[in-house]
C-alpha atoms as a PDB file:
ATOM      1  CA  MET A   1     -37.168  27.885  -4.045  1.00  0.00           C
ATOM      2  CA  LYS A   2     -35.195  25.374  -6.301  1.00  0.00           C
ATOM      3  CA  THR A   3     -32.345  28.014  -6.303  1.00  0.00           C
ATOM      4  CA  LYS A   4     -32.158  27.723  -2.548  1.00  0.00           C
ATOM      5  CA  PHE A   5     -32.044  24.136  -2.361  1.00  0.00           C
ATOM      6  CA  ALA A   6     -29.262  23.876  -4.961  1.00  0.00           C
ATOM      7  CA  ILE A   7     -27.300  26.477  -2.864  1.00  0.00           C
ATOM      8  CA  ALA A   8     -27.894  24.275   0.309  1.00  0.00           C
ATOM      9  CA  ILE A   9     -26.834  20.912  -1.499  1.00  0.00           C
ATOM     10  CA  THR A  10     -23.777  22.826  -2.650  1.00  0.00           C
ATOM     11  CA  VAL A  11     -22.855  23.976   0.673  1.00  0.00           C
ATOM     12  CA  GLY A  12     -23.693  20.604   2.127  1.00  0.00           C
ATOM     13  CA  ALA A  13     -21.601  18.777  -0.129  1.00  0.00           C
ATOM     14  CA  THR A  14     -18.503  21.516   0.321  1.00  0.00           C
ATOM     15  CA  LEU A  15     -18.902  20.880   4.024  1.00  0.00           C
ATOM     16  CA  LEU A  16     -18.743  17.041   3.486  1.00  0.00           C
ATOM     17  CA  CYS A  17     -15.806  17.062   1.436  1.00  0.00           C
ATOM     18  CA  SER A  18     -13.887  19.492   3.922  1.00  0.00           C
ATOM     19  CA  ALA A  19     -14.783  17.024   6.960  1.00  0.00           C
ATOM     20  CA  LEU A  20     -13.479  14.131   5.164  1.00  0.00           C
ATOM     21  CA  SER A  21     -10.237  15.750   3.859  1.00  0.00           C
ATOM     22  CA  SER A  22      -9.664  16.572   7.578  1.00  0.00           C
ATOM     23  CA  CYS A  23     -10.350  13.156   8.520  1.00  0.00           C
ATOM     24  CA  VAL A  24      -7.641  11.847   6.481  1.00  0.00           C
ATOM     25  CA  GLY A  25      -4.996  14.296   8.056  1.00  0.00           C
ATOM     26  CA  PRO A  26      -3.321  12.565  10.877  1.00  0.00           C
ATOM     27  CA  PHE A  27      -5.503   9.635  10.989  1.00  0.00           C
ATOM     28  CA  GLY A  28      -5.397   8.423   7.179  1.00  0.00           C
ATOM     29  CA  ARG A  29      -2.093   8.368   4.748  1.00  0.00           C
ATOM     30  CA  ASP A  30      -1.209  12.061   5.276  1.00  0.00           C
ATOM     31  CA  GLY A  31       0.029  11.037   9.071  1.00  0.00           C
ATOM     32  CA  TYR A  32       2.038   8.294   8.171  1.00  0.00           C
ATOM     33  CA  GLU A  33       5.878   7.986   6.884  1.00  0.00           C
ATOM     34  CA  SER A  34       5.788   6.506   3.260  1.00  0.00           C
ATOM     35  CA  ALA A  35       8.159   4.509   1.030  1.00  0.00           C
ATOM     36  CA  PRO A  36      10.082   6.668  -0.889  1.00  0.00           C
ATOM     37  CA  TYR A  37      10.422   6.588  -4.846  1.00  0.00           C
ATOM     38  CA  THR A  38      11.463   8.633  -7.703  1.00  0.00           C
ATOM     39  CA  ALA A  39       9.055   8.814 -10.587  1.00  0.00           C
ATOM     40  CA  VAL A  40      10.821   8.310 -13.702  1.00  0.00           C
ATOM     41  CA  LYS A  41       7.729   8.441 -16.024  1.00  0.00           C
ATOM     42  CA  THR A  42       3.950   9.416 -15.680  1.00  0.00           C
ATOM     43  CA  ASP A  43       1.146   8.383 -17.844  1.00  0.00           C
ATOM     44  CA  GLY A  44      -2.031   9.290 -16.428  1.00  0.00           C
ATOM     45  CA  ALA A  45      -2.729   6.493 -13.839  1.00  0.00           C
ATOM     46  CA  PHE A  46       0.210   4.839 -14.792  1.00  0.00           C
ATOM     47  CA  GLU A  47       3.870   5.419 -13.344  1.00  0.00           C
ATOM     48  CA  ILE A  48       7.408   4.132 -13.583  1.00  0.00           C
ATOM     49  CA  ARG A  49       9.062   4.450 -10.358  1.00  0.00           C
ATOM     50  CA  ASP A  50      12.466   3.851  -8.890  1.00  0.00           C
ATOM     51  CA  TYR A  51      12.555   2.661  -5.488  1.00  0.00           C
ATOM     52  CA  PRO A  52      15.502   2.522  -3.178  1.00  0.00           C
ATOM     53  CA  GLU A  53      16.383  -0.431  -0.913  1.00  0.00           C
ATOM     54  CA  ILE A  54      14.189  -0.338   2.243  1.00  0.00           C
ATOM     55  CA  VAL A  55      13.485  -2.594   5.213  1.00  0.00           C
ATOM     56  CA  VAL A  56      10.532  -4.524   5.610  1.00  0.00           C
ATOM     57  CA  ALA A  57       8.568  -6.857   8.149  1.00  0.00           C
ATOM     58  CA  THR A  58       7.204  -9.710   6.112  1.00  0.00           C
ATOM     59  CA  THR A  59       4.841 -12.239   7.176  1.00  0.00           C
ATOM     60  CA  THR A  60       4.490 -15.297   5.017  1.00  0.00           C
ATOM     61  CA  MET A  61       1.503 -17.852   5.009  1.00  0.00           C
ATOM     62  CA  SER A  62       0.518 -20.618   2.676  1.00  0.00           C
ATOM     63  CA  GLY A  63      -2.946 -21.759   1.641  1.00  0.00           C
ATOM     64  CA  ASP A  64      -5.664 -19.591   2.558  1.00  0.00           C
ATOM     65  CA  LYS A  65      -5.830 -16.318   0.229  1.00  0.00           C
ATOM     66  CA  ASP A  66      -8.586 -14.845   2.036  1.00  0.00           C
ATOM     67  CA  ASN A  67      -6.573 -14.806   5.385  1.00  0.00           C
ATOM     68  CA  GLN A  68      -5.385 -11.177   5.003  1.00  0.00           C
ATOM     69  CA  ASN A  69      -6.534 -10.050   8.346  1.00  0.00           C
ATOM     70  CA  SER A  70      -4.598 -12.648  10.402  1.00  0.00           C
ATOM     71  CA  ARG A  71      -1.569 -11.592   8.124  1.00  0.00           C
ATOM     72  CA  PHE A  72      -2.181  -7.874   9.002  1.00  0.00           C
ATOM     73  CA  MET A  73      -2.554  -8.471  12.612  1.00  0.00           C
ATOM     74  CA  SER A  74       0.740 -10.567  13.118  1.00  0.00           C
ATOM     75  CA  LEU A  75       2.584  -7.432  11.542  1.00  0.00           C
ATOM     76  CA  PHE A  76       0.399  -5.079  13.686  1.00  0.00           C
ATOM     77  CA  LYS A  77       1.464  -7.150  16.926  1.00  0.00           C
ATOM     78  CA  TYR A  78       5.095  -6.672  15.791  1.00  0.00           C
ATOM     79  CA  ILE A  79       5.144  -3.072  15.273  1.00  0.00           C
ATOM     80  CA  SER A  80       2.925  -2.929  18.642  1.00  0.00           C
ATOM     81  CA  GLY A  81       5.850  -4.368  20.852  1.00  0.00           C
ATOM     82  CA  LYS A  82       5.685  -7.982  19.879  1.00  0.00           C
ATOM     83  CA  ASN A  83       9.345  -7.879  19.305  1.00  0.00           C
ATOM     84  CA  GLU A  84      12.593  -8.714  20.832  1.00  0.00           C
ATOM     85  CA  THR A  85      12.966  -5.343  22.283  1.00  0.00           C
ATOM     86  CA  GLU A  86       9.479  -4.610  22.954  1.00  0.00           C
ATOM     87  CA  GLN A  87       9.779  -1.633  20.767  1.00  0.00           C
ATOM     88  CA  LYS A  88       6.537   0.211  19.588  1.00  0.00           C
ATOM     89  CA  ILE A  89       7.098   1.046  15.830  1.00  0.00           C
ATOM     90  CA  SER A  90       5.270   3.746  13.844  1.00  0.00           C
ATOM     91  CA  MET A  91       2.791   2.543  11.154  1.00  0.00           C
ATOM     92  CA  THR A  92       3.692   3.326   7.544  1.00  0.00           C
ATOM     93  CA  THR A  93       2.508   3.239   4.007  1.00  0.00           C
ATOM     94  CA  PRO A  94       1.689   1.481   1.979  1.00  0.00           C
ATOM     95  CA  VAL A  95       1.380  -2.071   3.208  1.00  0.00           C
ATOM     96  CA  PHE A  96       2.511  -4.516   0.272  1.00  0.00           C
ATOM     97  CA  SER A  97       0.812  -8.063  -0.326  1.00  0.00           C
ATOM     98  CA  LYS A  98       1.510 -10.486  -3.110  1.00  0.00           C
ATOM     99  CA  THR A  99       0.488 -14.159  -4.107  1.00  0.00           C
ATOM    100  CA  ASP A 100       3.115 -16.352  -5.590  1.00  0.00           C
ATOM    101  CA  GLY A 101       1.575 -19.882  -6.085  1.00  0.00           C
ATOM    102  CA  ASP A 102       0.614 -21.029  -2.723  1.00  0.00           C
ATOM    103  CA  ARG A 103       2.717 -18.427  -0.783  1.00  0.00           C
ATOM    104  CA  GLN A 104       1.071 -15.398   0.533  1.00  0.00           C
ATOM    105  CA  GLU A 105       2.984 -12.484   1.829  1.00  0.00           C
ATOM    106  CA  MET A 106       2.195  -9.023   3.327  1.00  0.00           C
ATOM    107  CA  SER A 107       4.854  -6.631   4.253  1.00  0.00           C
ATOM    108  CA  PHE A 108       5.030  -3.443   6.389  1.00  0.00           C
ATOM    109  CA  VAL A 109       7.855  -0.901   5.412  1.00  0.00           C
ATOM    110  CA  ILE A 110      10.030  -0.081   8.601  1.00  0.00           C
ATOM    111  CA  PRO A 111      10.571   3.559   9.305  1.00  0.00           C
ATOM    112  CA  LYS A 112      13.712   5.128   8.218  1.00  0.00           C
ATOM    113  CA  GLU A 113      14.862   5.972  11.740  1.00  0.00           C
ATOM    114  CA  VAL A 114      14.175   2.307  13.243  1.00  0.00           C
ATOM    115  CA  ALA A 115      15.851   0.845   9.804  1.00  0.00           C
ATOM    116  CA  GLN A 116      18.998   2.933  10.340  1.00  0.00           C
ATOM    117  CA  SER A 117      19.227   2.074  14.052  1.00  0.00           C
ATOM    118  CA  GLY A 118      18.297  -1.813  13.594  1.00  0.00           C
ATOM    119  CA  ALA A 119      14.828  -2.905  13.556  1.00  0.00           C
ATOM    120  CA  PRO A 120      14.284  -5.621  16.328  1.00  0.00           C
ATOM    121  CA  LYS A 121      13.533  -9.165  15.397  1.00  0.00           C
ATOM    122  CA  ALA A 122      10.008 -10.303  15.653  1.00  0.00           C
ATOM    123  CA  ASN A 123       8.956 -12.723  18.399  1.00  0.00           C
ATOM    124  CA  ASN A 124       6.671 -14.440  15.753  1.00  0.00           C
ATOM    125  CA  LYS A 125       8.584 -16.904  13.733  1.00  0.00           C
ATOM    126  CA  ASN A 126       6.608 -16.552  10.607  1.00  0.00           C
ATOM    127  CA  ILE A 127       7.701 -12.862  10.528  1.00  0.00           C
ATOM    128  CA  THR A 128      11.187 -11.971   9.320  1.00  0.00           C
ATOM    129  CA  VAL A 129      12.547  -8.206   9.023  1.00  0.00           C
ATOM    130  CA  ALA A 130      15.043  -7.779   6.016  1.00  0.00           C
ATOM    131  CA  LYS A 131      15.929  -5.455   3.168  1.00  0.00           C
ATOM    132  CA  ARG A 132      13.670  -5.275   0.307  1.00  0.00           C
ATOM    133  CA  GLN A 133      15.827  -5.055  -2.862  1.00  0.00           C
ATOM    134  CA  ALA A 134      15.829  -1.570  -4.896  1.00  0.00           C
ATOM    135  CA  GLY A 135      14.401  -1.824  -8.252  1.00  0.00           C
ATOM    136  CA  ARG A 136      12.280  -0.161 -11.005  1.00  0.00           C
ATOM    137  CA  PHE A 137       8.513  -0.747 -11.084  1.00  0.00           C
ATOM    138  CA  ALA A 138       5.556  -0.102 -13.165  1.00  0.00           C
ATOM    139  CA  VAL A 139       2.699   0.869 -11.119  1.00  0.00           C
ATOM    140  CA  TYR A 140      -0.986   1.418 -11.947  1.00  0.00           C
ATOM    141  CA  ARG A 141      -3.101   3.510  -9.450  1.00  0.00           C
ATOM    142  CA  TYR A 142      -6.730   3.605  -8.767  1.00  0.00           C
ATOM    143  CA  SER A 143      -9.274   4.601  -6.066  1.00  0.00           C
ATOM    144  CA  GLY A 144     -12.305   2.829  -4.369  1.00  0.00           C
ATOM    145  CA  ARG A 145     -12.966  -0.308  -2.047  1.00  0.00           C
ATOM    146  CA  TRP A 146     -11.040  -3.117  -2.894  1.00  0.00           C
ATOM    147  CA  THR A 147     -12.750  -6.127  -4.326  1.00  0.00           C
ATOM    148  CA  GLU A 148     -11.653  -9.226  -6.217  1.00  0.00           C
ATOM    149  CA  ALA A 149     -13.040  -8.223  -9.289  1.00  0.00           C
ATOM    150  CA  ARG A 150     -11.731  -4.632  -9.281  1.00  0.00           C
ATOM    151  CA  ASP A 151      -8.076  -6.044  -8.152  1.00  0.00           C
ATOM    152  CA  LYS A 152      -8.224  -8.525 -11.341  1.00  0.00           C
ATOM    153  CA  LYS A 153      -9.267  -5.760 -13.629  1.00  0.00           C
ATOM    154  CA  ALA A 154      -6.101  -3.431 -12.349  1.00  0.00           C
ATOM    155  CA  ARG A 155      -3.924  -6.298 -12.805  1.00  0.00           C
ATOM    156  CA  ALA A 156      -5.002  -6.481 -16.475  1.00  0.00           C
ATOM    157  CA  THR A 157      -5.104  -2.921 -17.028  1.00  0.00           C
ATOM    158  CA  LEU A 158      -1.182  -2.534 -16.048  1.00  0.00           C
ATOM    159  CA  ALA A 159      -0.293  -5.776 -17.915  1.00  0.00           C
ATOM    160  CA  GLU A 160      -1.911  -4.275 -20.998  1.00  0.00           C
ATOM    161  CA  TRP A 161      -0.012  -0.820 -20.451  1.00  0.00           C
ATOM    162  CA  ALA A 162       3.088  -2.523 -19.864  1.00  0.00           C
ATOM    163  CA  LYS A 163       2.885  -4.478 -23.150  1.00  0.00           C
ATOM    164  CA  THR A 164       2.293  -0.979 -25.022  1.00  0.00           C
ATOM    165  CA  GLN A 165       5.202   0.328 -23.366  1.00  0.00           C
ATOM    166  CA  LYS A 166       7.042  -2.674 -24.255  1.00  0.00           C
ATOM    167  CA  LEU A 167       8.307  -3.147 -20.700  1.00  0.00           C
ATOM    168  CA  THR A 168       9.804  -6.615 -19.424  1.00  0.00           C
ATOM    169  CA  LEU A 169       8.002  -7.783 -16.454  1.00  0.00           C
ATOM    170  CA  THR A 170      10.639  -9.339 -13.825  1.00  0.00           C
ATOM    171  CA  SER A 171       8.146 -10.083 -10.751  1.00  0.00           C
ATOM    172  CA  VAL A 172       4.639 -11.401  -9.920  1.00  0.00           C
ATOM    173  CA  MET A 173       2.559  -8.326  -9.354  1.00  0.00           C
ATOM    174  CA  GLU A 174       1.677  -7.026  -5.809  1.00  0.00           C
ATOM    175  CA  LYS A 175      -0.725  -4.890  -4.041  1.00  0.00           C
ATOM    176  CA  ALA A 176       0.039  -1.515  -2.199  1.00  0.00           C
ATOM    177  CA  SER A 177      -2.608  -0.423   0.269  1.00  0.00           C
ATOM    178  CA  TYR A 178      -2.475   3.054   1.560  1.00  0.00           C
ATOM    179  CA  ASP A 179      -5.628   3.801   3.636  1.00  0.00           C
ATOM    180  CA  PRO A 180      -7.121   2.789   7.072  1.00  0.00           C
ATOM    181  CA  PRO A 181     -10.294   0.799   6.377  1.00  0.00           C
ATOM    182  CA  PHE A 182     -12.468   3.728   7.204  1.00  0.00           C
ATOM    183  CA  THR A 183     -11.355   5.762   4.612  1.00  0.00           C
ATOM    184  CA  PRO A 184     -14.170   6.606   2.267  1.00  0.00           C
ATOM    185  CA  PRO A 185     -13.757   4.444  -1.155  1.00  0.00           C
ATOM    186  CA  PHE A 186     -13.075   7.661  -3.287  1.00  0.00           C
ATOM    187  CA  MET A 187     -10.605   8.795  -1.049  1.00  0.00           C
ATOM    188  CA  ARG A 188      -8.487   5.584  -1.283  1.00  0.00           C
ATOM    189  CA  ARG A 189      -5.288   5.030  -2.954  1.00  0.00           C
ATOM    190  CA  ASN A 190      -4.765   1.521  -4.189  1.00  0.00           C
ATOM    191  CA  GLU A 191      -1.944   0.586  -6.522  1.00  0.00           C
ATOM    192  CA  ILE A 192      -0.809  -2.462  -8.309  1.00  0.00           C
ATOM    193  CA  LEU A 193       3.019  -2.661  -9.066  1.00  0.00           C
ATOM    194  CA  VAL A 194       5.454  -4.993 -10.756  1.00  0.00           C
ATOM    195  CA  SER A 195       9.066  -5.215 -10.991  1.00  0.00           C
ATOM    196  CA  ILE A 196      10.654  -4.321 -14.605  1.00  0.00           C
ATOM    197  CA  ASN A 197      13.923  -4.133 -16.270  1.00  0.00           C
ATOM    198  CA  LYS A 198      15.556  -0.767 -16.377  1.00  0.00           C
END
């Protein structure tokens, strides 16, 4: 009886994992163009990457640190056609976000084809479309649902690793989010990254 129950549990778990994997497919990060990079060094959950110059749409706000939904929706409206040419632009990954003092920023990566042909200007004056400089970054990757405590711990973990590697940090740390909100926590890809000297 116990053997049959164990087999049933195993089969059920396998089917669930299979179903979740298929959900990530075209409706998760696998269906999106992602910002390109070259891995220079990999050390478990840590990586040193070279990112080329890319074009991003960025919204900037001051004050409320918890107003992420407003920033996200502003950018989402931009790619949905709220721009000078009413052009619909595909969603990409990751969504970059950072805090520098009282300044809150969130950026969407513009798809390569759109960037090459010229990304349209936003109708919203709080959104700018500009080049993000190429550079080398130290990165820490982790899974799970985002929380302030987990984010703080991830930043401390990256800072400690960078110290052991004798890396010189040249920017504030930022968050990179890759998955839609309905993605199961254990399948999520979260990253903290910071610019470093080459």
